[in-house]
Amino acid sequence: MVGHRLKLRGGLATVLAVLAALVVSVASVRADEEAKPFEPPLSDEFDWIQIVSDEWLKGEIIAMYDGSLEFDSDKLDDLTFDFGDVKRIRSAGTMQVGLLAGGVAVGRLFVDGDEARVVGDQEQKIERSRVLSITSGAPREKNYWSGKLSAGANFRQGNTDQVETNGRMSFMRRSVQHRMTFEYLANFSRTEDTTLADNQRASVSWDWFVSDRFFLSPVLGEYFRDPFQNISHRYTLGAGAGYQIIDTSKVDWKATVGFAYQSTRFDDVPEGDPASASTPTFLASTLYDHELSGSVDFNLEYRFFIVDEESGQYTHHFVTGFEFDLIGSLDFDVTFVWDRIEKPRQSSDGTFPEKDDFRLNLALGFDF
């Protein structure tokens, strides 16, 4: 009996020893895990960022401009961080890193504290404070382009045959130091055999960034036509400079001023009056785009010209509206347009066109 008890005690002691060993082993593993913080694996599939809370997120780096990093998280969808709140970066693919003093470094991006490394054909070490922008993708021409096409129409047939159409087209090529834009806006309306509206405006600009905010505009051009404002053709060509007030993934706001030469051909003038006018021009403009939510964008553009009295003394072009995302790249656009000529040119019948033209356009748009 005593021997049996001794055997039981011996077996219990063995079990307790094994359990103690397991506890010590688990504690040791946990201690090792705590001693070695998580390090993301080098991957060709996901980008990794670590924020100031020491949390790691995997997903895709979209871009970094004006101190804001846009990141598409694998689980949390689109996120925007202050670049200063991002401690570390491990990129999966090629990045274009714009530098404050000019130039671009291309390769995989690694950021640790105050130091950044771009590993491409050669490894380049950069002070983090010199990083101006980050763009995902290799420097291919197609990655620089974006644009939008939109059109609306209203057809009526019966007692009155009427056609109303409007269209808008915009293209942008943007790299680290250059931004080129082209825009075209047109409205046409016809009832029976009578044209009620024929308005066309095309503009082009080239911005060359000499710092992270200040840019020169070597080319500022515009073409305008509206016979109902007594403008058969009007050409404006000049140059200027501007300032990028805000440039983030959600908000884009810039302002430009400059000088130009403007030539106007009038549609209908009294006999003996000159049919054209030319003038030096002071111009100024501002462009504001704001992504209010994931499905609604607000935009505003205002442009004015100060010219001589024969050319109208003062003219402006104001466009604002909302873009509503429908399906994929398809949008529904609501746009309000206000054109004004302070002193419109008199027609041959002695009448003057109205100073102001207002239009409200509804259209479907396609982004690419």
Protein backbone atom coordinates (compact mmCIF):
# COMPACT_ATOMS: atom_id res chain seq x y z
CA MET A 1 0.00 0.00 0.00
CA VAL A 2 2.79 2.36 0.89
CA GLY A 3 4.56 1.50 -2.34
CA HIS A 4 1.43 2.26 -4.33
CA ARG A 5 1.19 5.69 -2.71
CA LEU A 6 4.81 6.40 -3.49
CA LYS A 7 4.18 5.54 -7.14
CA LEU A 8 1.21 7.93 -7.27
CA ARG A 9 3.25 10.70 -5.73
CA GLY A 10 6.07 10.05 -8.16
CA GLY A 11 3.67 10.18 -11.15
CA LEU A 12 2.07 13.41 -9.89
CA ALA A 13 5.49 14.98 -9.47
CA THR A 14 6.34 14.04 -13.07
CA VAL A 15 3.10 15.59 -14.39
CA LEU A 16 3.72 18.79 -12.41
CA ALA A 17 7.27 18.94 -13.74
CA VAL A 18 6.03 18.58 -17.32
CA LEU A 19 3.39 21.29 -16.79
CA ALA A 20 6.00 23.60 -15.25
CA ALA A 21 8.27 23.01 -18.23
CA LEU A 22 5.42 23.85 -20.61
CA VAL A 23 4.63 27.06 -18.71
CA VAL A 24 8.27 28.10 -18.81
CA SER A 25 8.47 27.28 -22.52
CA VAL A 26 5.34 29.33 -23.36
CA ALA A 27 6.59 32.22 -21.27
CA SER A 28 9.93 32.03 -23.03
CA VAL A 29 8.25 32.08 -26.45
CA ARG A 30 6.13 35.06 -25.45
CA ALA A 31 9.17 36.85 -24.10
CA ASP A 32 10.98 36.22 -27.38
CA GLU A 33 7.98 37.55 -29.31
CA GLU A 34 7.87 40.66 -27.14
CA ALA A 35 11.60 41.11 -27.49
CA LYS A 36 11.39 40.87 -31.30
CA PRO A 37 8.84 43.36 -32.69
CA PHE A 38 6.98 42.43 -35.84
CA GLU A 39 8.82 43.02 -39.07
CA PRO A 40 6.84 42.85 -42.33
CA PRO A 41 8.13 40.42 -44.93
CA LEU A 42 9.65 41.79 -48.10
CA SER A 43 6.88 41.28 -50.61
CA ASP A 44 6.18 41.92 -54.26
CA GLU A 45 2.44 42.00 -53.52
CA PHE A 46 1.85 44.49 -50.69
CA ASP A 47 3.26 47.81 -49.52
CA TRP A 48 3.69 48.17 -45.75
CA ILE A 49 3.55 51.31 -43.59
CA GLN A 50 4.04 51.69 -39.84
CA ILE A 51 2.29 54.61 -38.14
CA VAL A 52 3.26 56.38 -34.90
CA SER A 53 1.17 53.96 -32.81
CA ASP A 54 3.61 51.22 -33.98
CA GLU A 55 0.82 49.49 -35.94
CA TRP A 56 1.68 48.05 -39.33
CA LEU A 57 -0.74 48.26 -42.26
CA LYS A 58 -0.46 46.40 -45.53
CA GLY A 59 -1.98 47.49 -48.81
CA GLU A 60 -1.01 49.90 -51.58
CA ILE A 61 0.62 53.33 -51.47
CA ILE A 62 -1.38 55.56 -53.83
CA ALA A 63 0.54 58.85 -53.57
CA MET A 64 2.01 61.44 -51.22
CA TYR A 65 1.62 65.17 -51.92
CA ASP A 66 1.77 68.22 -49.70
CA GLY A 67 2.56 66.18 -46.59
CA SER A 68 -0.40 63.77 -46.95
CA LEU A 69 0.04 60.08 -47.74
CA GLU A 70 -2.88 58.26 -49.37
CA PHE A 71 -2.90 54.54 -48.63
CA ASP A 72 -5.31 51.82 -49.78
CA SER A 73 -5.39 49.39 -46.86
CA ASP A 74 -5.93 45.70 -47.55
CA LYS A 75 -8.71 45.63 -44.91
CA LEU A 76 -9.63 49.28 -44.12
CA ASP A 77 -9.96 50.69 -47.66
CA ASP A 78 -8.70 54.21 -48.46
CA LEU A 79 -6.87 56.02 -45.65
CA THR A 80 -5.00 59.34 -45.54
CA PHE A 81 -2.16 60.00 -43.08
CA ASP A 82 -0.04 63.00 -42.29
CA PHE A 83 3.35 61.99 -43.67
CA GLY A 84 4.90 62.90 -40.32
CA ASP A 85 2.72 60.24 -38.65
CA VAL A 86 4.20 57.48 -40.83
CA LYS A 87 7.31 56.04 -39.15
CA ARG A 88 8.35 53.41 -41.66
CA ILE A 89 7.60 52.41 -45.25
CA ARG A 90 8.35 49.20 -47.15
CA SER A 91 7.20 49.40 -50.76
CA ALA A 92 6.51 46.31 -52.82
CA GLY A 93 6.97 47.87 -56.24
CA THR A 94 8.62 50.79 -57.94
CA MET A 95 7.99 54.31 -56.63
CA GLN A 96 8.81 57.71 -58.08
CA VAL A 97 10.15 59.91 -55.28
CA GLY A 98 10.15 63.62 -56.07
CA LEU A 99 12.90 65.58 -54.31
CA LEU A 100 12.64 69.06 -52.85
CA ALA A 101 15.62 70.38 -54.80
CA GLY A 102 14.32 68.85 -58.04
CA GLY A 103 14.81 65.51 -59.69
CA VAL A 104 13.22 62.11 -59.18
CA ALA A 105 14.54 58.92 -57.57
CA VAL A 106 13.01 55.70 -58.95
CA GLY A 107 12.93 52.31 -57.22
CA ARG A 108 11.61 50.47 -54.18
CA LEU A 109 11.16 52.85 -51.26
CA PHE A 110 12.26 52.19 -47.67
CA VAL A 111 11.71 54.82 -44.97
CA ASP A 112 13.02 54.51 -41.42
CA GLY A 113 12.67 57.56 -39.20
CA ASP A 114 14.51 60.50 -40.76
CA GLU A 115 16.13 58.47 -43.54
CA ALA A 116 14.75 57.21 -46.84
CA ARG A 117 16.34 54.77 -49.27
CA VAL A 118 15.35 54.27 -52.89
CA VAL A 119 16.64 50.99 -54.28
CA GLY A 120 16.64 50.85 -58.08
CA ASP A 121 19.52 50.30 -60.44
CA GLN A 122 21.50 51.92 -57.65
CA GLU A 123 20.70 52.57 -54.01
CA GLN A 124 20.17 56.21 -53.12
CA LYS A 125 19.99 57.48 -49.53
CA ILE A 126 17.89 60.60 -48.97
CA GLU A 127 17.05 62.71 -45.95
CA ARG A 128 13.34 62.30 -45.32
CA SER A 129 12.90 66.08 -45.16
CA ARG A 130 13.92 66.25 -48.86
CA VAL A 131 11.07 63.99 -49.99
CA LEU A 132 8.52 66.18 -51.77
CA SER A 133 6.20 63.59 -53.29
CA ILE A 134 5.72 59.86 -53.79
CA THR A 135 3.99 58.40 -56.83
CA SER A 136 3.28 54.72 -57.33
CA GLY A 137 4.45 53.06 -60.52
CA ALA A 138 7.35 53.17 -62.90
CA PRO A 139 7.90 56.37 -64.89
CA ARG A 140 5.83 55.34 -67.92
CA GLU A 141 4.11 57.93 -70.09
CA LYS A 142 0.61 56.53 -69.54
CA ASN A 143 1.02 56.90 -65.75
CA TYR A 144 1.28 60.69 -66.15
CA TRP A 145 -2.10 61.15 -67.85
CA SER A 146 -5.65 61.51 -66.55
CA GLY A 147 -8.79 62.94 -68.07
CA LYS A 148 -12.55 63.17 -68.27
CA LEU A 149 -15.18 63.25 -71.02
CA SER A 150 -18.78 64.30 -70.36
CA ALA A 151 -21.82 65.02 -72.52
CA GLY A 152 -25.49 65.86 -72.13
CA ALA A 153 -28.34 66.22 -74.60
CA ASN A 154 -32.04 67.09 -74.79
CA PHE A 155 -34.09 66.32 -77.93
CA ARG A 156 -37.67 67.45 -78.53
CA GLN A 157 -39.78 66.69 -81.60
CA GLY A 158 -43.41 67.41 -82.41
CA ASN A 159 -44.90 70.87 -82.28
CA THR A 160 -41.34 72.13 -81.76
CA ASP A 161 -38.17 70.51 -83.04
CA GLN A 162 -35.40 71.33 -80.57
CA VAL A 163 -31.90 70.03 -79.94
CA GLU A 164 -29.79 71.01 -76.91
CA THR A 165 -26.35 69.54 -76.33
CA ASN A 166 -23.40 70.28 -74.06
CA GLY A 167 -19.99 68.68 -73.79
CA ARG A 168 -16.89 68.98 -71.68
CA MET A 169 -13.46 67.47 -72.12
CA SER A 170 -10.36 67.75 -69.95
CA PHE A 171 -6.92 66.16 -70.01
CA MET A 172 -3.99 66.50 -67.62
CA ARG A 173 -0.41 65.32 -67.81
CA ARG A 174 1.29 65.54 -64.42
CA SER A 175 4.80 64.62 -63.40
CA VAL A 176 6.81 65.70 -60.38
CA GLN A 177 7.85 69.06 -61.87
CA HIS A 178 5.38 69.65 -64.71
CA ARG A 179 1.61 69.88 -65.08
CA MET A 180 -0.06 70.41 -68.46
CA THR A 181 -3.84 70.77 -68.81
CA PHE A 182 -6.27 71.08 -71.69
CA GLU A 183 -9.99 71.83 -71.31
CA TYR A 184 -12.84 72.23 -73.77
CA LEU A 185 -16.41 73.31 -72.96
CA ALA A 186 -19.21 73.65 -75.54
CA ASN A 187 -22.95 74.35 -75.59
CA PHE A 188 -25.23 74.17 -78.60
CA SER A 189 -28.99 74.73 -78.91
CA ARG A 190 -31.19 74.80 -82.02
CA THR A 191 -34.98 75.14 -82.42
CA GLU A 192 -36.52 74.48 -85.83
CA ASP A 193 -34.03 76.25 -88.12
CA THR A 194 -32.89 78.81 -85.56
CA THR A 195 -29.68 78.54 -83.56
CA LEU A 196 -30.21 79.70 -79.96
CA ALA A 197 -26.76 78.98 -78.52
CA ASP A 198 -23.30 78.27 -79.92
CA ASN A 199 -20.72 78.69 -77.20
CA GLN A 200 -17.24 77.13 -77.26
CA ARG A 201 -14.23 77.62 -75.01
CA ALA A 202 -10.86 75.84 -75.06
CA SER A 203 -7.93 76.53 -72.73
CA VAL A 204 -4.41 75.19 -72.31
CA SER A 205 -1.78 75.73 -69.61
CA TRP A 206 1.65 74.47 -68.67
CA ASP A 207 2.86 74.75 -65.06
CA TRP A 208 6.52 74.20 -64.25
CA PHE A 209 7.16 73.72 -60.52
CA VAL A 210 10.36 75.42 -59.34
CA SER A 211 9.63 74.52 -55.70
CA ASP A 212 7.06 72.41 -53.88
CA ARG A 213 4.45 75.24 -54.11
CA PHE A 214 5.62 77.95 -56.54
CA PHE A 215 5.36 77.37 -60.28
CA LEU A 216 5.92 79.27 -63.52
CA SER A 217 3.40 79.11 -66.37
CA PRO A 218 5.30 79.57 -69.64
CA VAL A 219 2.10 78.92 -71.62
CA LEU A 220 -1.41 80.20 -70.85
CA GLY A 221 -3.80 80.12 -73.79
CA GLU A 222 -7.53 80.33 -74.48
CA TYR A 223 -9.91 80.27 -77.44
CA PHE A 224 -13.50 81.54 -77.06
CA ARG A 225 -16.47 81.79 -79.41
CA ASP A 226 -20.02 83.02 -78.75
CA PRO A 227 -21.82 84.91 -81.55
CA PHE A 228 -24.65 85.75 -79.14
CA GLN A 229 -22.13 87.78 -77.10
CA ASN A 230 -20.95 89.23 -80.42
CA ILE A 231 -17.69 87.26 -80.26
CA SER A 232 -16.92 85.45 -83.49
CA HIS A 233 -13.45 84.39 -82.29
CA ARG A 234 -11.26 85.49 -79.38
CA TYR A 235 -7.68 84.31 -78.86
CA THR A 236 -5.59 84.87 -75.72
CA LEU A 237 -1.96 83.84 -75.32
CA GLY A 238 0.37 84.72 -72.45
CA ALA A 239 2.50 83.55 -69.53
CA GLY A 240 2.47 83.92 -65.77
CA ALA A 241 3.26 82.38 -62.40
CA GLY A 242 1.27 80.72 -59.67
CA TYR A 243 1.13 79.17 -56.25
CA GLN A 244 -0.16 75.75 -55.22
CA ILE A 245 -2.17 76.62 -52.11
CA ILE A 246 -3.23 73.03 -51.33
CA ASP A 247 -2.22 69.79 -53.05
CA THR A 248 -3.43 66.66 -51.29
CA SER A 249 -5.23 63.48 -52.31
CA LYS A 250 -8.54 65.18 -51.39
CA VAL A 251 -8.04 68.88 -52.22
CA ASP A 252 -6.32 70.64 -55.13
CA TRP A 253 -6.28 74.46 -55.03
CA LYS A 254 -4.05 76.70 -57.11
CA ALA A 255 -3.95 80.37 -58.14
CA THR A 256 -2.29 81.92 -61.21
CA VAL A 257 -1.63 85.48 -62.45
CA GLY A 258 -0.03 86.63 -65.67
CA PHE A 259 0.01 88.90 -68.71
CA ALA A 260 -1.15 88.07 -72.21
CA TYR A 261 -2.06 89.39 -75.63
CA GLN A 262 -5.70 89.11 -76.71
CA SER A 263 -7.20 89.41 -80.17
CA THR A 264 -10.97 89.53 -80.76
CA ARG A 265 -12.97 89.22 -83.97
CA PHE A 266 -16.53 90.49 -83.52
CA ASP A 267 -19.50 88.74 -85.11
CA ASP A 268 -21.55 91.80 -86.14
CA VAL A 269 -20.66 95.51 -85.83
CA PRO A 270 -22.15 98.78 -87.13
CA GLU A 271 -20.94 99.91 -90.52
CA GLY A 272 -17.67 101.81 -90.24
CA ASP A 273 -16.71 100.32 -86.85
CA PRO A 274 -13.63 98.09 -86.65
CA ALA A 275 -14.50 94.40 -86.81
CA SER A 276 -11.63 93.38 -84.53
CA ALA A 277 -9.67 94.58 -81.51
CA SER A 278 -6.35 93.67 -79.90
CA THR A 279 -5.15 94.48 -76.41
CA PRO A 280 -2.59 93.62 -73.73
CA THR A 281 -4.27 91.68 -70.96
CA PHE A 282 -3.88 91.05 -67.26
CA LEU A 283 -5.26 87.67 -66.29
CA ALA A 284 -5.83 85.80 -63.05
CA SER A 285 -7.43 82.48 -62.23
CA THR A 286 -8.03 80.02 -59.45
CA LEU A 287 -8.94 76.35 -59.59
CA TYR A 288 -10.34 74.40 -56.64
CA ASP A 289 -11.23 70.68 -56.52
CA HIS A 290 -12.43 68.96 -53.35
CA GLU A 291 -13.34 65.31 -52.88
CA LEU A 292 -16.15 65.75 -50.36
CA SER A 293 -16.69 62.01 -49.96
CA GLY A 294 -15.95 58.78 -51.76
CA SER A 295 -18.78 59.47 -54.22
CA VAL A 296 -19.13 63.28 -54.40
CA ASP A 297 -16.63 65.84 -55.75
CA PHE A 298 -16.96 69.64 -55.76
CA ASN A 299 -15.10 71.82 -58.25
CA LEU A 300 -14.79 75.54 -58.93
CA GLU A 301 -12.89 77.53 -61.54
CA TYR A 302 -12.77 81.32 -61.86
CA ARG A 303 -10.84 83.18 -64.54
CA PHE A 304 -10.89 86.89 -65.38
CA PHE A 305 -9.22 89.21 -67.90
CA ILE A 306 -8.70 92.96 -67.63
CA VAL A 307 -8.57 94.39 -71.18
CA ASP A 308 -9.10 97.72 -72.94
CA GLU A 309 -12.58 99.19 -73.48
CA GLU A 310 -12.88 98.09 -77.12
CA SER A 311 -12.31 94.46 -76.06
CA GLY A 312 -14.85 94.59 -73.23
CA GLN A 313 -12.89 96.22 -70.35
CA TYR A 314 -13.42 93.20 -68.09
CA THR A 315 -14.46 89.60 -68.82
CA HIS A 316 -14.74 86.56 -66.64
CA HIS A 317 -15.52 82.85 -66.80
CA PHE A 318 -16.92 81.07 -63.74
CA VAL A 319 -17.63 77.32 -63.56
CA THR A 320 -18.70 75.34 -60.51
CA GLY A 321 -20.54 72.12 -59.83
CA PHE A 322 -20.68 68.64 -58.38
CA GLU A 323 -19.68 65.23 -59.72
CA PHE A 324 -21.57 62.20 -58.41
CA ASP A 325 -20.03 58.74 -58.86
CA LEU A 326 -22.46 56.25 -60.35
CA ILE A 327 -20.86 52.97 -61.46
CA GLY A 328 -17.14 52.46 -61.93
CA SER A 329 -15.76 55.42 -63.86
CA LEU A 330 -19.20 56.77 -64.80
CA ASP A 331 -20.30 60.06 -63.19
CA PHE A 332 -23.33 62.32 -63.18
CA ASP A 333 -22.27 65.98 -63.44
CA VAL A 334 -24.16 69.13 -62.47
CA THR A 335 -22.35 72.24 -63.74
CA PHE A 336 -23.19 75.95 -63.48
CA VAL A 337 -21.46 78.37 -65.89
CA TRP A 338 -21.43 82.18 -65.72
CA ASP A 339 -19.76 84.24 -68.47
CA ARG A 340 -19.63 88.03 -68.30
CA ILE A 341 -18.41 90.85 -70.57
CA GLU A 342 -18.47 94.21 -68.80
CA LYS A 343 -18.81 96.26 -72.00
CA PRO A 344 -20.13 94.06 -74.84
CA ARG A 345 -19.67 95.33 -78.41
CA GLN A 346 -22.66 96.92 -80.15
CA SER A 347 -24.28 95.00 -83.03
CA SER A 348 -25.13 96.44 -86.44
CA ASP A 349 -28.80 96.90 -85.47
CA GLY A 350 -27.80 99.18 -82.58
CA THR A 351 -28.49 96.67 -79.79
CA PHE A 352 -26.05 95.44 -77.19
CA PRO A 353 -25.74 91.82 -76.04
CA GLU A 354 -26.53 91.06 -72.40
CA LYS A 355 -23.51 91.34 -70.15
CA ASP A 356 -24.15 88.02 -68.42
CA ASP A 357 -24.78 84.52 -69.72
CA PHE A 358 -25.84 81.77 -67.30
CA ARG A 359 -26.08 78.04 -68.04
CA LEU A 360 -26.88 74.95 -66.03
CA ASN A 361 -25.61 71.72 -67.61
CA LEU A 362 -26.53 68.16 -66.69
CA ALA A 363 -24.32 65.46 -68.18
CA LEU A 364 -22.89 61.97 -67.86
CA GLY A 365 -19.12 61.83 -67.54
CA PHE A 366 -16.39 59.21 -67.85
CA ASP A 367 -13.11 59.44 -65.88
CA PHE A 368 -9.89 57.76 -66.95
